[in-house]
Amino acid sequence: MRKYLIIGLIVIQAITLVAFFGYQEYKIRTAEYTVKLKTVPVDPVDMMRGHYAVVQYEISTLSEEKYNFWNDVTRGSKLKKGDCVYVELIKKGNLAKAAYFTKKLPIGKLVIKGEIAKVEKKHISDIDPETKEDYGYNQLIYSIKYDIEKIFISEAKAKQVEWANKPYLVTVKVNSGGEAKAMAIEEIK
């Protein structure tokens, strides 16, 4: 009897794992949108999964000017590290660019879900040429992680991306909830 109980528990665990990963894959395979994002690359190795390129996207660093706090439930609230945000993407040619970002999921928009990784204050100078006075202002800059920064590719391709010192295009599948998966990386032609 004990033997059947152990086998039953193992089968239940296996079914749970298959169902979980199957559901995650289903969400991405049935995603409504496919977009291309421009990158800035770096390259490490994962001992379990092999070679991959770590990339940063143009949409990974956004200024507070792009923060649409009017769309948020907590209007005027400050964003902090760890906050979940949704970046609305606008397709321009074959690229997607950030229009704005918000804490509330916009309905019916092409958005990608991210998390605030860092918030820093940057001074934007505006120096008067005659008086040499700085009439600049401070602006908040948000670093956002999207969980698509690792792209698993062959070792040769990973080295090529690492040493290229130029941007690439990454094809990304995005579902209506903003969840995304990097599908492919290619050189900009």
Foldseek 3Di string as FASTA:
>chain_A
DVVVVVVVVVVVVVVVVCVVVVVVVVQQVPAPDKAKFKWFWAWDADPVQGTWIFTATPQQKDWCVQEPQVPAPPRPDDAAFFQKKKFFWDDDPRHTDTNHMYSDQDAPTQIAIWTFHHKDKDWDFDADPPVRDTPIDIIIMTGIDRVARIGDDDPVVRVCSNPVRGMWMWIWGAHSRNRIYTDDIGHDD
